[in-house]
Amino acid sequence: MRQLFAIAAALFLAGAISAHLLGNEGVADFAAVIAFFTLLAACLVPGARTLAPQR
C-alpha cells in the first residue's frame, strides 16, 4: 500500500514538472500540492503486511 502511494506521488510530481516546463503554472502548483499530500499519506499509511491474514 505504501508503494502505491509513493508511485502516485511520483506521477503527480512528474505531472507538476511537465506542466511547469509547458508554462502552465496553475496546474503545476496544484499537482505539486497533491504530490506533497500523497507522499505524506505514503509516510503515514501502515505497511501492506498489516492487510495480510493473521495466523
N, C-alpha and C. Protein backbone atom coordinates (compact mmCIF):
# COMPACT_ATOMS: atom_id res chain seq x y z
N MET A 1 0.83 -1.19 0.00
CA MET A 1 0.00 0.00 0.00
C MET A 1 0.88 1.25 0.00
N ARG A 2 1.93 1.20 0.77
CA ARG A 2 2.84 2.35 0.84
C ARG A 2 3.49 2.61 -0.52
N GLN A 3 3.83 1.54 -1.23
CA GLN A 3 4.44 1.69 -2.54
C GLN A 3 3.47 2.31 -3.53
N LEU A 4 2.19 1.98 -3.41
CA LEU A 4 1.18 2.55 -4.29
C LEU A 4 1.08 4.06 -4.12
N PHE A 5 1.09 4.53 -2.87
CA PHE A 5 1.06 5.96 -2.62
C PHE A 5 2.33 6.64 -3.13
N ALA A 6 3.46 5.98 -2.97
CA ALA A 6 4.72 6.56 -3.44
C ALA A 6 4.75 6.67 -4.96
N ILE A 7 4.22 5.67 -5.65
CA ILE A 7 4.15 5.72 -7.12
C ILE A 7 3.21 6.84 -7.56
N ALA A 8 2.07 6.96 -6.88
CA ALA A 8 1.13 8.03 -7.22
C ALA A 8 1.76 9.40 -7.00
N ALA A 9 2.51 9.56 -5.92
CA ALA A 9 3.18 10.84 -5.66
C ALA A 9 4.21 11.14 -6.74
N ALA A 10 4.93 10.12 -7.18
CA ALA A 10 5.92 10.33 -8.24
C ALA A 10 5.26 10.74 -9.54
N LEU A 11 4.10 10.15 -9.84
CA LEU A 11 3.39 10.52 -11.06
C LEU A 11 2.86 11.95 -10.99
N PHE A 12 2.33 12.34 -9.83
CA PHE A 12 1.87 13.72 -9.67
C PHE A 12 3.03 14.70 -9.77
N LEU A 13 4.17 14.33 -9.22
CA LEU A 13 5.35 15.20 -9.29
C LEU A 13 5.84 15.32 -10.73
N ALA A 14 5.81 14.22 -11.47
CA ALA A 14 6.19 14.28 -12.89
C ALA A 14 5.22 15.17 -13.67
N GLY A 15 3.95 15.09 -13.34
CA GLY A 15 2.97 15.97 -13.98
C GLY A 15 3.20 17.42 -13.63
N ALA A 16 3.59 17.69 -12.39
CA ALA A 16 3.87 19.07 -11.99
C ALA A 16 5.08 19.62 -12.73
N ILE A 17 6.10 18.79 -12.90
CA ILE A 17 7.30 19.24 -13.61
C ILE A 17 6.99 19.50 -15.07
N SER A 18 6.24 18.59 -15.71
CA SER A 18 5.93 18.80 -17.12
C SER A 18 5.02 20.00 -17.32
N ALA A 19 4.06 20.22 -16.42
CA ALA A 19 3.20 21.39 -16.53
C ALA A 19 4.00 22.67 -16.34
N HIS A 20 4.97 22.64 -15.44
CA HIS A 20 5.83 23.81 -15.23
C HIS A 20 6.66 24.09 -16.48
N LEU A 21 7.19 23.05 -17.09
CA LEU A 21 8.00 23.24 -18.30
C LEU A 21 7.17 23.73 -19.47
N LEU A 22 5.88 23.37 -19.48
CA LEU A 22 5.00 23.84 -20.55
C LEU A 22 4.43 25.23 -20.27
N GLY A 23 4.69 25.77 -19.09
CA GLY A 23 4.28 27.12 -18.77
C GLY A 23 2.94 27.24 -18.09
N ASN A 24 2.34 26.15 -17.69
CA ASN A 24 1.03 26.19 -17.04
C ASN A 24 1.25 26.13 -15.52
N GLU A 25 1.47 27.28 -14.93
CA GLU A 25 1.86 27.34 -13.52
C GLU A 25 0.75 26.94 -12.56
N GLY A 26 -0.49 27.23 -12.92
CA GLY A 26 -1.61 26.86 -12.03
C GLY A 26 -1.72 25.35 -11.88
N VAL A 27 -1.62 24.64 -12.97
CA VAL A 27 -1.68 23.18 -12.93
C VAL A 27 -0.45 22.63 -12.23
N ALA A 28 0.70 23.24 -12.45
CA ALA A 28 1.93 22.78 -11.81
C ALA A 28 1.85 22.93 -10.30
N ASP A 29 1.33 24.05 -9.83
CA ASP A 29 1.18 24.26 -8.39
C ASP A 29 0.20 23.25 -7.79
N PHE A 30 -0.92 23.04 -8.46
CA PHE A 30 -1.92 22.10 -7.97
C PHE A 30 -1.35 20.69 -7.90
N ALA A 31 -0.67 20.25 -8.95
CA ALA A 31 -0.10 18.91 -8.97
C ALA A 31 1.00 18.75 -7.92
N ALA A 32 1.76 19.80 -7.67
CA ALA A 32 2.80 19.73 -6.64
C ALA A 32 2.19 19.59 -5.25
N VAL A 33 1.10 20.29 -4.99
CA VAL A 33 0.43 20.18 -3.69
C VAL A 33 -0.16 18.78 -3.52
N ILE A 34 -0.78 18.26 -4.56
CA ILE A 34 -1.34 16.90 -4.49
C ILE A 34 -0.22 15.88 -4.29
N ALA A 35 0.92 16.07 -4.97
CA ALA A 35 2.06 15.16 -4.80
C ALA A 35 2.58 15.20 -3.37
N PHE A 36 2.62 16.38 -2.78
CA PHE A 36 3.10 16.50 -1.40
C PHE A 36 2.19 15.74 -0.44
N PHE A 37 0.89 15.94 -0.56
CA PHE A 37 -0.02 15.27 0.37
C PHE A 37 -0.10 13.76 0.10
N THR A 38 0.09 13.35 -1.15
CA THR A 38 0.13 11.92 -1.44
C THR A 38 1.38 11.29 -0.84
N LEU A 39 2.50 11.99 -0.91
CA LEU A 39 3.72 11.48 -0.29
C LEU A 39 3.60 11.45 1.22
N LEU A 40 2.93 12.44 1.78
CA LEU A 40 2.67 12.45 3.22
C LEU A 40 1.80 11.25 3.61
N ALA A 41 0.80 10.94 2.80
CA ALA A 41 -0.04 9.78 3.07
C ALA A 41 0.77 8.49 2.96
N ALA A 42 1.74 8.45 2.05
CA ALA A 42 2.59 7.27 1.92
C ALA A 42 3.42 7.06 3.18
N CYS A 43 3.79 8.14 3.83
CA CYS A 43 4.57 8.02 5.06
C CYS A 43 3.71 7.62 6.25
N LEU A 44 2.44 7.97 6.23
CA LEU A 44 1.58 7.73 7.38
C LEU A 44 0.82 6.42 7.32
N VAL A 45 0.62 5.88 6.12
CA VAL A 45 -0.18 4.66 6.00
C VAL A 45 0.64 3.47 6.50
N PRO A 46 0.00 2.55 7.18
CA PRO A 46 0.75 1.37 7.64
C PRO A 46 1.16 0.50 6.45
N GLY A 47 2.12 -0.37 6.68
CA GLY A 47 2.62 -1.23 5.62
C GLY A 47 1.58 -2.21 5.12
N ALA A 48 1.84 -2.79 3.95
CA ALA A 48 0.89 -3.71 3.34
C ALA A 48 0.78 -5.02 4.11
N ARG A 49 1.76 -5.32 4.93
CA ARG A 49 1.72 -6.58 5.68
C ARG A 49 0.59 -6.61 6.69
N THR A 50 0.13 -5.44 7.12
CA THR A 50 -0.96 -5.42 8.09
C THR A 50 -2.28 -5.85 7.46
N LEU A 51 -2.36 -5.83 6.12
CA LEU A 51 -3.58 -6.25 5.44
C LEU A 51 -3.61 -7.75 5.19
N ALA A 52 -2.49 -8.43 5.43
CA ALA A 52 -2.43 -9.87 5.22
C ALA A 52 -3.19 -10.59 6.32
N PRO A 53 -3.75 -11.75 6.00
CA PRO A 53 -4.46 -12.51 7.04
C PRO A 53 -3.51 -12.90 8.17
N GLN A 54 -3.96 -12.77 9.38
CA GLN A 54 -3.15 -13.11 10.55
C GLN A 54 -3.34 -14.58 10.91
N ARG A 55 -2.24 -15.25 11.21
CA ARG A 55 -2.33 -16.66 11.60
C ARG A 55 -1.95 -16.82 13.05
